[in-house]
Amino acid sequence: MIKCFLLAAATTIFAAGCFSQSQFLDSNQYAAIQTALSRGQFDLNCQSATAVLLSREVVEPALQGPWVNGVMRAEYTVGVRGCQRHKTYVVVCPQGGDGCFAAGPGRFIREQ
């Protein structure tokens, strides 16, 4: 009986996790696009620039375990175009955070 309960609980948690990832992405998408648009308007020096969502995904934390947990985050790739120029931004919205930030185009890790 305990095994059945644990199996049912694990199945419920897994199913809820998949659904909540979609909700997590949906709930941060507008803020992510606006964050990229603001950064793009500044970088391009073009107030008439527009933004388009290119992709989105939930990134699981690198550290997960019984005693250590990282922060899950939503990552959006947003293209900003205006004044005959364009840029692409990766926008990161950490779960439980107060907002999103737009990382610049390019690699996050410098090659040495």
PDB file of N, CA and C in Angstrom:
ATOM      1  N   MET A   1       0.823  -1.194   0.000  1.00  0.00           N
ATOM      2  CA  MET A   1       0.000   0.000   0.000  1.00  0.00           C
ATOM      3  C   MET A   1       0.867   1.258   0.000  1.00  0.00           C
ATOM      4  N   ILE A   2       1.929   1.255   0.784  1.00  0.00           N
ATOM      5  CA  ILE A   2       2.804   2.421   0.828  1.00  0.00           C
ATOM      6  C   ILE A   2       3.466   2.621  -0.530  1.00  0.00           C
ATOM      7  N   LYS A   3       3.857   1.513  -1.194  1.00  0.00           N
ATOM      8  CA  LYS A   3       4.479   1.623  -2.512  1.00  0.00           C
ATOM      9  C   LYS A   3       3.513   2.240  -3.515  1.00  0.00           C
ATOM     10  N   CYS A   4       2.258   1.852  -3.444  1.00  0.00           N
ATOM     11  CA  CYS A   4       1.252   2.420  -4.357  1.00  0.00           C
ATOM     12  C   CYS A   4       1.082   3.909  -4.115  1.00  0.00           C
ATOM     13  N   PHE A   5       1.067   4.296  -2.840  1.00  0.00           N
ATOM     14  CA  PHE A   5       0.933   5.707  -2.497  1.00  0.00           C
ATOM     15  C   PHE A   5       2.118   6.506  -3.025  1.00  0.00           C
ATOM     16  N   LEU A   6       3.342   5.980  -2.819  1.00  0.00           N
ATOM     17  CA  LEU A   6       4.533   6.682  -3.285  1.00  0.00           C
ATOM     18  C   LEU A   6       4.553   6.798  -4.809  1.00  0.00           C
ATOM     19  N   LEU A   7       4.137   5.732  -5.492  1.00  0.00           N
ATOM     20  CA  LEU A   7       4.076   5.773  -6.947  1.00  0.00           C
ATOM     21  C   LEU A   7       3.057   6.801  -7.428  1.00  0.00           C
ATOM     22  N   ALA A   8       1.911   6.841  -6.789  1.00  0.00           N
ATOM     23  CA  ALA A   8       0.882   7.817  -7.156  1.00  0.00           C
ATOM     24  C   ALA A   8       1.361   9.242  -6.878  1.00  0.00           C
ATOM     25  N   ALA A   9       2.032   9.439  -5.758  1.00  0.00           N
ATOM     26  CA  ALA A   9       2.538  10.763  -5.408  1.00  0.00           C
ATOM     27  C   ALA A   9       3.611  11.208  -6.405  1.00  0.00           C
ATOM     28  N   ALA A  10       4.505  10.302  -6.773  1.00  0.00           N
ATOM     29  CA  ALA A  10       5.565  10.641  -7.729  1.00  0.00           C
ATOM     30  C   ALA A  10       4.975  10.976  -9.090  1.00  0.00           C
ATOM     31  N   THR A  11       3.989  10.228  -9.514  1.00  0.00           N
ATOM     32  CA  THR A  11       3.338  10.488 -10.800  1.00  0.00           C
ATOM     33  C   THR A  11       2.657  11.851 -10.796  1.00  0.00           C
ATOM     34  N   THR A  12       1.979  12.167  -9.704  1.00  0.00           N
ATOM     35  CA  THR A  12       1.301  13.460  -9.580  1.00  0.00           C
ATOM     36  C   THR A  12       2.298  14.608  -9.606  1.00  0.00           C
ATOM     37  N   ILE A  13       3.399  14.464  -8.893  1.00  0.00           N
ATOM     38  CA  ILE A  13       4.416  15.510  -8.852  1.00  0.00           C
ATOM     39  C   ILE A  13       5.025  15.702 -10.237  1.00  0.00           C
ATOM     40  N   PHE A  14       5.315  14.597 -10.936  1.00  0.00           N
ATOM     41  CA  PHE A  14       5.889  14.692 -12.272  1.00  0.00           C
ATOM     42  C   PHE A  14       4.922  15.403 -13.220  1.00  0.00           C
ATOM     43  N   ALA A  15       3.666  15.016 -13.187  1.00  0.00           N
ATOM     44  CA  ALA A  15       2.668  15.625 -14.076  1.00  0.00           C
ATOM     45  C   ALA A  15       2.486  17.103 -13.738  1.00  0.00           C
ATOM     46  N   ALA A  16       2.469  17.432 -12.463  1.00  0.00           N
ATOM     47  CA  ALA A  16       2.318  18.827 -12.054  1.00  0.00           C
ATOM     48  C   ALA A  16       3.529  19.640 -12.469  1.00  0.00           C
ATOM     49  N   GLY A  17       4.723  19.036 -12.424  1.00  0.00           N
ATOM     50  CA  GLY A  17       5.940  19.727 -12.829  1.00  0.00           C
ATOM     51  C   GLY A  17       5.902  20.109 -14.296  1.00  0.00           C
ATOM     52  N   CYS A  18       5.423  19.236 -15.151  1.00  0.00           N
ATOM     53  CA  CYS A  18       5.345  19.535 -16.577  1.00  0.00           C
ATOM     54  C   CYS A  18       4.360  20.668 -16.834  1.00  0.00           C
ATOM     55  N   PHE A  19       3.227  20.613 -16.182  1.00  0.00           N
ATOM     56  CA  PHE A  19       2.209  21.656 -16.352  1.00  0.00           C
ATOM     57  C   PHE A  19       2.712  22.974 -15.795  1.00  0.00           C
ATOM     58  N   SER A  20       3.371  22.943 -14.649  1.00  0.00           N
ATOM     59  CA  SER A  20       3.817  24.188 -14.041  1.00  0.00           C
ATOM     60  C   SER A  20       4.960  24.824 -14.837  1.00  0.00           C
ATOM     61  N   GLN A  21       5.754  24.038 -15.580  1.00  0.00           N
ATOM     62  CA  GLN A  21       6.786  24.630 -16.417  1.00  0.00           C
ATOM     63  C   GLN A  21       6.159  25.488 -17.511  1.00  0.00           C
ATOM     64  N   SER A  22       5.086  24.996 -18.095  1.00  0.00           N
ATOM     65  CA  SER A  22       4.383  25.770 -19.115  1.00  0.00           C
ATOM     66  C   SER A  22       3.813  27.057 -18.518  1.00  0.00           C
ATOM     67  N   GLN A  23       3.236  26.946 -17.351  1.00  0.00           N
ATOM     68  CA  GLN A  23       2.704  28.130 -16.672  1.00  0.00           C
ATOM     69  C   GLN A  23       3.825  29.104 -16.331  1.00  0.00           C
ATOM     70  N   PHE A  24       4.949  28.562 -15.888  1.00  0.00           N
ATOM     71  CA  PHE A  24       6.118  29.379 -15.535  1.00  0.00           C
ATOM     72  C   PHE A  24       6.586  30.169 -16.756  1.00  0.00           C
ATOM     73  N   LEU A  25       6.683  29.506 -17.900  1.00  0.00           N
ATOM     74  CA  LEU A  25       7.079  30.193 -19.134  1.00  0.00           C
ATOM     75  C   LEU A  25       6.056  31.243 -19.541  1.00  0.00           C
ATOM     76  N   ASP A  26       4.784  30.879 -19.483  1.00  0.00           N
ATOM     77  CA  ASP A  26       3.719  31.821 -19.858  1.00  0.00           C
ATOM     78  C   ASP A  26       3.717  33.050 -18.961  1.00  0.00           C
ATOM     79  N   SER A  27       3.934  32.850 -17.661  1.00  0.00           N
ATOM     80  CA  SER A  27       3.832  33.959 -16.716  1.00  0.00           C
ATOM     81  C   SER A  27       4.978  34.957 -16.839  1.00  0.00           C
ATOM     82  N   ASN A  28       6.112  34.523 -17.377  1.00  0.00           N
ATOM     83  CA  ASN A  28       7.266  35.421 -17.509  1.00  0.00           C
ATOM     84  C   ASN A  28       7.485  35.945 -18.922  1.00  0.00           C
ATOM     85  N   GLN A  29       6.735  35.441 -19.888  1.00  0.00           N
ATOM     86  CA  GLN A  29       7.008  35.757 -21.291  1.00  0.00           C
ATOM     87  C   GLN A  29       6.876  37.253 -21.596  1.00  0.00           C
ATOM     88  N   TYR A  30       5.822  37.891 -21.136  1.00  0.00           N
ATOM     89  CA  TYR A  30       5.626  39.314 -21.420  1.00  0.00           C
ATOM     90  C   TYR A  30       6.776  40.135 -20.840  1.00  0.00           C
ATOM     91  N   ALA A  31       7.152  39.860 -19.596  1.00  0.00           N
ATOM     92  CA  ALA A  31       8.249  40.601 -18.957  1.00  0.00           C
ATOM     93  C   ALA A  31       9.558  40.381 -19.694  1.00  0.00           C
ATOM     94  N   ALA A  32       9.782  39.157 -20.175  1.00  0.00           N
ATOM     95  CA  ALA A  32      11.016  38.858 -20.905  1.00  0.00           C
ATOM     96  C   ALA A  32      11.083  39.650 -22.213  1.00  0.00           C
ATOM     97  N   ILE A  33       9.984  39.691 -22.933  1.00  0.00           N
ATOM     98  CA  ILE A  33       9.957  40.434 -24.201  1.00  0.00           C
ATOM     99  C   ILE A  33      10.157  41.924 -23.948  1.00  0.00           C
ATOM    100  N   GLN A  34       9.511  42.453 -22.930  1.00  0.00           N
ATOM    101  CA  GLN A  34       9.661  43.880 -22.613  1.00  0.00           C
ATOM    102  C   GLN A  34      11.079  44.206 -22.171  1.00  0.00           C
ATOM    103  N   THR A  35      11.708  43.292 -21.426  1.00  0.00           N
ATOM    104  CA  THR A  35      13.090  43.494 -20.987  1.00  0.00           C
ATOM    105  C   THR A  35      14.027  43.557 -22.188  1.00  0.00           C
ATOM    106  N   ALA A  36      13.869  42.615 -23.121  1.00  0.00           N
ATOM    107  CA  ALA A  36      14.705  42.609 -24.325  1.00  0.00           C
ATOM    108  C   ALA A  36      14.434  43.853 -25.177  1.00  0.00           C
ATOM    109  N   LEU A  37      13.185  44.229 -25.287  1.00  0.00           N
ATOM    110  CA  LEU A  37      12.837  45.402 -26.090  1.00  0.00           C
ATOM    111  C   LEU A  37      13.477  46.667 -25.520  1.00  0.00           C
ATOM    112  N   SER A  38      13.403  46.842 -24.217  1.00  0.00           N
ATOM    113  CA  SER A  38      14.020  48.022 -23.588  1.00  0.00           C
ATOM    114  C   SER A  38      15.524  48.052 -23.828  1.00  0.00           C
ATOM    115  N   ARG A  39      16.158  46.899 -23.643  1.00  0.00           N
ATOM    116  CA  ARG A  39      17.608  46.834 -23.869  1.00  0.00           C
ATOM    117  C   ARG A  39      17.927  47.081 -25.343  1.00  0.00           C
ATOM    118  N   GLY A  40      17.149  46.489 -26.234  1.00  0.00           N
ATOM    119  CA  GLY A  40      17.380  46.670 -27.660  1.00  0.00           C
ATOM    120  C   GLY A  40      17.187  48.114 -28.099  1.00  0.00           C
ATOM    121  N   GLN A  41      16.156  48.769 -27.596  1.00  0.00           N
ATOM    122  CA  GLN A  41      15.938  50.175 -27.945  1.00  0.00           C
ATOM    123  C   GLN A  41      17.127  51.026 -27.518  1.00  0.00           C
ATOM    124  N   PHE A  42      17.692  50.706 -26.374  1.00  0.00           N
ATOM    125  CA  PHE A  42      18.861  51.446 -25.898  1.00  0.00           C
ATOM    126  C   PHE A  42      20.085  51.117 -26.744  1.00  0.00           C
ATOM    127  N   ASP A  43      20.383  49.812 -26.922  1.00  0.00           N
ATOM    128  CA  ASP A  43      21.573  49.401 -27.674  1.00  0.00           C
ATOM    129  C   ASP A  43      21.542  49.887 -29.124  1.00  0.00           C
ATOM    130  N   LEU A  44      20.377  49.831 -29.738  1.00  0.00           N
ATOM    131  CA  LEU A  44      20.245  50.247 -31.138  1.00  0.00           C
ATOM    132  C   LEU A  44      20.015  51.740 -31.284  1.00  0.00           C
ATOM    133  N   ASN A  45      19.789  52.434 -30.168  1.00  0.00           N
ATOM    134  CA  ASN A  45      19.439  53.853 -30.171  1.00  0.00           C
ATOM    135  C   ASN A  45      18.255  54.071 -31.109  1.00  0.00           C
ATOM    136  N   CYS A  46      17.203  53.243 -30.897  1.00  0.00           N
ATOM    137  CA  CYS A  46      16.051  53.250 -31.796  1.00  0.00           C
ATOM    138  C   CYS A  46      14.779  52.988 -30.987  1.00  0.00           C
ATOM    139  N   GLN A  47      14.050  54.044 -30.675  1.00  0.00           N
ATOM    140  CA  GLN A  47      12.833  53.904 -29.876  1.00  0.00           C
ATOM    141  C   GLN A  47      11.708  53.198 -30.625  1.00  0.00           C
ATOM    142  N   SER A  48      11.798  53.115 -31.948  1.00  0.00           N
ATOM    143  CA  SER A  48      10.740  52.452 -32.720  1.00  0.00           C
ATOM    144  C   SER A  48      11.000  50.958 -32.921  1.00  0.00           C
ATOM    145  N   ALA A  49      12.035  50.419 -32.279  1.00  0.00           N
ATOM    146  CA  ALA A  49      12.370  48.994 -32.433  1.00  0.00           C
ATOM    147  C   ALA A  49      11.221  48.123 -31.923  1.00  0.00           C
ATOM    148  N   THR A  50      11.134  46.930 -32.493  1.00  0.00           N
ATOM    149  CA  THR A  50      10.120  45.959 -32.079  1.00  0.00           C
ATOM    150  C   THR A  50      10.809  44.656 -31.696  1.00  0.00           C
ATOM    151  N   ALA A  51      10.113  43.849 -30.898  1.00  0.00           N
ATOM    152  CA  ALA A  51      10.682  42.593 -30.411  1.00  0.00           C
ATOM    153  C   ALA A  51       9.813  41.421 -30.831  1.00  0.00           C
ATOM    154  N   VAL A  52      10.458  40.283 -31.071  1.00  0.00           N
ATOM    155  CA  VAL A  52       9.745  39.058 -31.410  1.00  0.00           C
ATOM    156  C   VAL A  52      10.383  37.904 -30.630  1.00  0.00           C
ATOM    157  N   LEU A  53       9.528  37.059 -30.072  1.00  0.00           N
ATOM    158  CA  LEU A  53       9.998  35.894 -29.327  1.00  0.00           C
ATOM    159  C   LEU A  53      10.476  34.836 -30.316  1.00  0.00           C
ATOM    160  N   LEU A  54      11.706  34.369 -30.147  1.00  0.00           N
ATOM    161  CA  LEU A  54      12.270  33.350 -31.030  1.00  0.00           C
ATOM    162  C   LEU A  54      12.195  31.951 -30.417  1.00  0.00           C
ATOM    163  N   SER A  55      12.443  31.851 -29.121  1.00  0.00           N
ATOM    164  CA  SER A  55      12.346  30.555 -28.450  1.00  0.00           C
ATOM    165  C   SER A  55      12.213  30.771 -26.949  1.00  0.00           C
ATOM    166  N   ARG A  56      11.806  29.703 -26.269  1.00  0.00           N
ATOM    167  CA  ARG A  56      11.685  29.761 -24.819  1.00  0.00           C
ATOM    168  C   ARG A  56      11.857  28.366 -24.270  1.00  0.00           C
ATOM    169  N   GLU A  57      12.439  28.283 -23.067  1.00  0.00           N
ATOM    170  CA  GLU A  57      12.618  26.997 -22.423  1.00  0.00           C
ATOM    171  C   GLU A  57      12.855  27.182 -20.930  1.00  0.00           C
ATOM    172  N   VAL A  58      12.559  26.137 -20.180  1.00  0.00           N
ATOM    173  CA  VAL A  58      12.855  26.117 -18.760  1.00  0.00           C
ATOM    174  C   VAL A  58      14.190  25.416 -18.595  1.00  0.00           C
ATOM    175  N   VAL A  59      15.091  26.043 -17.841  1.00  0.00           N
ATOM    176  CA  VAL A  59      16.407  25.473 -17.591  1.00  0.00           C
ATOM    177  C   VAL A  59      16.451  25.019 -16.139  1.00  0.00           C
ATOM    178  N   GLU A  60      16.677  23.741 -15.975  1.00  0.00           N
ATOM    179  CA  GLU A  60      16.765  23.170 -14.628  1.00  0.00           C
ATOM    180  C   GLU A  60      18.089  23.591 -13.993  1.00  0.00           C
ATOM    181  N   PRO A  61      18.117  23.712 -12.673  1.00  0.00           N
ATOM    182  CA  PRO A  61      19.364  24.090 -12.005  1.00  0.00           C
ATOM    183  C   PRO A  61      20.440  23.025 -12.178  1.00  0.00           C
ATOM    184  N   ALA A  62      21.681  23.471 -12.248  1.00  0.00           N
ATOM    185  CA  ALA A  62      22.803  22.537 -12.378  1.00  0.00           C
ATOM    186  C   ALA A  62      22.977  21.713 -11.111  1.00  0.00           C
ATOM    187  N   LEU A  63      22.689  22.311  -9.967  1.00  0.00           N
ATOM    188  CA  LEU A  63      22.824  21.613  -8.692  1.00  0.00           C
ATOM    189  C   LEU A  63      21.451  21.231  -8.166  1.00  0.00           C
ATOM    190  N   GLN A  64      21.225  19.944  -8.033  1.00  0.00           N
ATOM    191  CA  GLN A  64      19.986  19.454  -7.450  1.00  0.00           C
ATOM    192  C   GLN A  64      20.311  18.256  -6.580  1.00  0.00           C
ATOM    193  N   GLY A  65      19.739  18.224  -5.440  1.00  0.00           N
ATOM    194  CA  GLY A  65      19.959  17.096  -4.554  1.00  0.00           C
ATOM    195  C   GLY A  65      19.149  17.270  -3.302  1.00  0.00           C
ATOM    196  N   PRO A  66      19.305  16.351  -2.374  1.00  0.00           N
ATOM    197  CA  PRO A  66      18.512  16.423  -1.148  1.00  0.00           C
ATOM    198  C   PRO A  66      18.898  17.598  -0.257  1.00  0.00           C
ATOM    199  N   TRP A  67      20.144  18.096  -0.373  1.00  0.00           N
ATOM    200  CA  TRP A  67      20.576  19.192   0.493  1.00  0.00           C
ATOM    201  C   TRP A  67      20.896  20.466  -0.264  1.00  0.00           C
ATOM    202  N   VAL A  68      21.069  20.378  -1.548  1.00  0.00           N
ATOM    203  CA  VAL A  68      21.437  21.540  -2.358  1.00  0.00           C
ATOM    204  C   VAL A  68      20.478  21.652  -3.534  1.00  0.00           C
ATOM    205  N   ASN A  69      19.916  22.834  -3.712  1.00  0.00           N
ATOM    206  CA  ASN A  69      19.047  23.075  -4.860  1.00  0.00           C
ATOM    207  C   ASN A  69      19.401  24.405  -5.499  1.00  0.00           C
ATOM    208  N   GLY A  70      19.548  24.389  -6.793  1.00  0.00           N
ATOM    209  CA  GLY A  70      19.760  25.623  -7.534  1.00  0.00           C
ATOM    210  C   GLY A  70      18.423  26.249  -7.877  1.00  0.00           C
ATOM    211  N   VAL A  71      18.472  27.288  -8.673  1.00  0.00           N
ATOM    212  CA  VAL A  71      17.268  28.024  -9.035  1.00  0.00           C
ATOM    213  C   VAL A  71      16.872  27.669 -10.474  1.00  0.00           C
ATOM    214  N   MET A  72      15.637  27.254 -10.654  1.00  0.00           N
ATOM    215  CA  MET A  72      15.108  27.011 -11.984  1.00  0.00           C
ATOM    216  C   MET A  72      14.872  28.373 -12.641  1.00  0.00           C
ATOM    217  N   ARG A  73      15.083  28.434 -13.952  1.00  0.00           N
ATOM    218  CA  ARG A  73      14.898  29.717 -14.627  1.00  0.00           C
ATOM    219  C   ARG A  73      14.264  29.510 -15.996  1.00  0.00           C
ATOM    220  N   ALA A  74      13.543  30.506 -16.415  1.00  0.00           N
ATOM    221  CA  ALA A  74      12.990  30.541 -17.765  1.00  0.00           C
ATOM    222  C   ALA A  74      13.967  31.331 -18.621  1.00  0.00           C
ATOM    223  N   GLU A  75      14.299  30.787 -19.796  1.00  0.00           N
ATOM    224  CA  GLU A  75      15.173  31.490 -20.730  1.00  0.00           C
ATOM    225  C   GLU A  75      14.433  31.706 -22.040  1.00  0.00           C
ATOM    226  N   TYR A  76      14.469  32.927 -22.495  1.00  0.00           N
ATOM    227  CA  TYR A  76      13.800  33.312 -23.730  1.00  0.00           C
ATOM    228  C   TYR A  76      14.842  33.896 -24.677  1.00  0.00           C
ATOM    229  N   THR A  77      14.755  33.555 -25.937  1.00  0.00           N
ATOM    230  CA  THR A  77      15.574  34.204 -26.952  1.00  0.00           C
ATOM    231  C   THR A  77      14.656  35.166 -27.686  1.00  0.00           C
ATOM    232  N   VAL A  78      15.035  36.438 -27.676  1.00  0.00           N
ATOM    233  CA  VAL A  78      14.189  37.493 -28.231  1.00  0.00           C
ATOM    234  C   VAL A  78      15.004  38.294 -29.241  1.00  0.00           C
ATOM    235  N   GLY A  79      14.446  38.467 -30.413  1.00  0.00           N
ATOM    236  CA  GLY A  79      15.065  39.308 -31.433  1.00  0.00           C
ATOM    237  C   GLY A  79      14.467  40.696 -31.394  1.00  0.00           C
ATOM    238  N   VAL A  80      15.313  41.705 -31.497  1.00  0.00           N
ATOM    239  CA  VAL A  80      14.868  43.101 -31.515  1.00  0.00           C
ATOM    240  C   VAL A  80      15.377  43.728 -32.815  1.00  0.00           C
ATOM    241  N   ARG A  81      14.469  44.354 -33.537  1.00  0.00           N
ATOM    242  CA  ARG A  81      14.802  44.934 -34.840  1.00  0.00           C
ATOM    243  C   ARG A  81      14.258  46.358 -34.913  1.00  0.00           C
ATOM    244  N   GLY A  82      15.089  47.261 -35.463  1.00  0.00           N
ATOM    245  CA  GLY A  82      14.652  48.629 -35.683  1.00  0.00           C
ATOM    246  C   GLY A  82      15.765  49.481 -36.251  1.00  0.00           C
ATOM    247  N   CYS A  83      15.400  50.511 -36.997  1.00  0.00           N
ATOM    248  CA  CYS A  83      16.361  51.455 -37.590  1.00  0.00           C
ATOM    249  C   CYS A  83      17.415  50.730 -38.424  1.00  0.00           C
ATOM    250  N   GLN A  84      16.996  49.776 -39.215  1.00  0.00           N
ATOM    251  CA  GLN A  84      17.836  48.978 -40.113  1.00  0.00           C
ATOM    252  C   GLN A  84      18.918  48.159 -39.405  1.00  0.00           C
ATOM    253  N   ARG A  85      18.706  47.832 -38.142  1.00  0.00           N
ATOM    254  CA  ARG A  85      19.640  46.988 -37.390  1.00  0.00           C
ATOM    255  C   ARG A  85      18.848  46.002 -36.557  1.00  0.00           C
ATOM    256  N   HIS A  86      19.537  44.974 -36.063  1.00  0.00           N
ATOM    257  CA  HIS A  86      18.881  44.013 -35.182  1.00  0.00           C
ATOM    258  C   HIS A  86      19.887  43.390 -34.222  1.00  0.00           C
ATOM    259  N   LYS A  87      19.373  42.908 -33.111  1.00  0.00           N
ATOM    260  CA  LYS A  87      20.161  42.205 -32.095  1.00  0.00           C
ATOM    261  C   LYS A  87      19.311  41.085 -31.528  1.00  0.00           C
ATOM    262  N   THR A  88      19.983  40.087 -31.005  1.00  0.00           N
ATOM    263  CA  THR A  88      19.312  38.969 -30.355  1.00  0.00           C
ATOM    264  C   THR A  88      19.761  38.921 -28.908  1.00  0.00           C
ATOM    265  N   TYR A  89      18.807  38.731 -28.013  1.00  0.00           N
ATOM    266  CA  TYR A  89      19.101  38.677 -26.579  1.00  0.00           C
ATOM    267  C   TYR A  89      18.595  37.387 -25.977  1.00  0.00           C
ATOM    268  N   VAL A  90      19.329  36.891 -24.996  1.00  0.00           N
ATOM    269  CA  VAL A  90      18.857  35.801 -24.154  1.00  0.00           C
ATOM    270  C   VAL A  90      18.386  36.460 -22.873  1.00  0.00           C
ATOM    271  N   VAL A  91      17.115  36.288 -22.560  1.00  0.00           N
ATOM    272  CA  VAL A  91      16.529  36.897 -21.372  1.00  0.00           C
ATOM    273  C   VAL A  91      16.289  35.792 -20.347  1.00  0.00           C
ATOM    274  N   VAL A  92      16.761  36.016 -19.141  1.00  0.00           N
ATOM    275  CA  VAL A  92      16.673  35.028 -18.071  1.00  0.00           C
ATOM    276  C   VAL A  92      15.751  35.553 -16.980  1.00  0.00           C
ATOM    277  N   CYS A  93      14.799  34.700 -16.576  1.00  0.00           N
ATOM    278  CA  CYS A  93      13.860  35.033 -15.507  1.00  0.00           C
ATOM    279  C   CYS A  93      13.945  33.932 -14.449  1.00  0.00           C
ATOM    280  N   PRO A  94      14.637  34.186 -13.326  1.00  0.00           N
ATOM    281  CA  PRO A  94      14.759  33.152 -12.308  1.00  0.00           C
ATOM    282  C   PRO A  94      13.445  32.940 -11.557  1.00  0.00           C
ATOM    283  N   GLN A  95      13.172  31.686 -11.221  1.00  0.00           N
ATOM    284  CA  GLN A  95      11.967  31.374 -10.455  1.00  0.00           C
ATOM    285  C   GLN A  95      12.079  32.014  -9.080  1.00  0.00           C
ATOM    286  N   GLY A  96      11.028  32.689  -8.675  1.00  0.00           N
ATOM    287  CA  GLY A  96      11.020  33.350  -7.376  1.00  0.00           C
ATOM    288  C   GLY A  96      11.709  34.698  -7.390  1.00  0.00           C
ATOM    289  N   GLY A  97      12.188  35.123  -8.551  1.00  0.00           N
ATOM    290  CA  GLY A  97      12.867  36.413  -8.651  1.00  0.00           C
ATOM    291  C   GLY A  97      11.875  37.546  -8.839  1.00  0.00           C
ATOM    292  N   ASP A  98      12.391  38.756  -8.853  1.00  0.00           N
ATOM    293  CA  ASP A  98      11.545  39.941  -9.006  1.00  0.00           C
ATOM    294  C   ASP A  98      11.466  40.437 -10.438  1.00  0.00           C
ATOM    295  N   GLY A  99      12.094  39.749 -11.372  1.00  0.00           N
ATOM    296  CA  GLY A  99      12.056  40.202 -12.747  1.00  0.00           C
ATOM    297  C   GLY A  99      12.995  39.398 -13.617  1.00  0.00           C
ATOM    298  N   CYS A 100      13.300  39.954 -14.763  1.00  0.00           N
ATOM    299  CA  CYS A 100      14.137  39.284 -15.760  1.00  0.00           C
ATOM    300  C   CYS A 100      15.312  40.185 -16.098  1.00  0.00           C
ATOM    301  N   PHE A 101      16.360  39.598 -16.676  1.00  0.00           N
ATOM    302  CA  PHE A 101      17.459  40.406 -17.175  1.00  0.00           C
ATOM    303  C   PHE A 101      17.867  39.912 -18.547  1.00  0.00           C
ATOM    304  N   ALA A 102      18.278  40.839 -19.383  1.00  0.00           N
ATOM    305  CA  ALA A 102      18.666  40.537 -20.754  1.00  0.00           C
ATOM    306  C   ALA A 102      20.176  40.427 -20.818  1.00  0.00           C
ATOM    307  N   ALA A 103      20.637  39.227 -21.101  1.00  0.00           N
ATOM    308  CA  ALA A 103      22.068  39.024 -21.317  1.00  0.00           C
ATOM    309  C   ALA A 103      22.367  39.428 -22.751  1.00  0.00           C
ATOM    310  N   GLY A 104      23.537  39.964 -22.965  1.00  0.00           N
ATOM    311  CA  GLY A 104      23.896  40.400 -24.310  1.00  0.00           C
ATOM    312  C   GLY A 104      24.134  39.225 -25.240  1.00  0.00           C
ATOM    313  N   PRO A 105      24.144  39.503 -26.497  1.00  0.00           N
ATOM    314  CA  PRO A 105      24.449  38.442 -27.455  1.00  0.00           C
ATOM    315  C   PRO A 105      25.886  37.989 -27.266  1.00  0.00           C
ATOM    316  N   GLY A 106      26.148  36.748 -27.565  1.00  0.00           N
ATOM    317  CA  GLY A 106      27.509  36.218 -27.453  1.00  0.00           C
ATOM    318  C   GLY A 106      27.595  35.135 -26.387  1.00  0.00           C
ATOM    319  N   ARG A 107      28.807  34.662 -26.194  1.00  0.00           N
ATOM    320  CA  ARG A 107      29.043  33.556 -25.277  1.00  0.00           C
ATOM    321  C   ARG A 107      29.044  34.045 -23.828  1.00  0.00           C
ATOM    322  N   PHE A 108      28.593  33.165 -22.926  1.00  0.00           N
ATOM    323  CA  PHE A 108      28.612  33.499 -21.506  1.00  0.00           C
ATOM    324  C   PHE A 108      29.966  33.191 -20.898  1.00  0.00           C
ATOM    325  N   ILE A 109      30.695  32.240 -21.469  1.00  0.00           N
ATOM    326  CA  ILE A 109      31.974  31.807 -20.919  1.00  0.00           C
ATOM    327  C   ILE A 109      33.072  32.200 -21.894  1.00  0.00           C
ATOM    328  N   ARG A 110      34.088  32.852 -21.384  1.00  0.00           N
ATOM    329  CA  ARG A 110      35.205  33.234 -22.232  1.00  0.00           C
ATOM    330  C   ARG A 110      36.093  32.021 -22.481  1.00  0.00           C
ATOM    331  N   GLU A 111      36.506  31.865 -23.713  1.00  0.00           N
ATOM    332  CA  GLU A 111      37.444  30.797 -24.046  1.00  0.00           C
ATOM    333  C   GLU A 111      38.840  31.278 -23.720  1.00  0.00           C
ATOM    334  N   GLN A 112      39.627  30.412 -23.105  1.00  0.00           N
ATOM    335  CA  GLN A 112      40.992  30.808 -22.720  1.00  0.00           C
ATOM    336  C   GLN A 112      42.011  30.024 -23.475  1.00  0.00           C
TER     337      GLN A 112
END
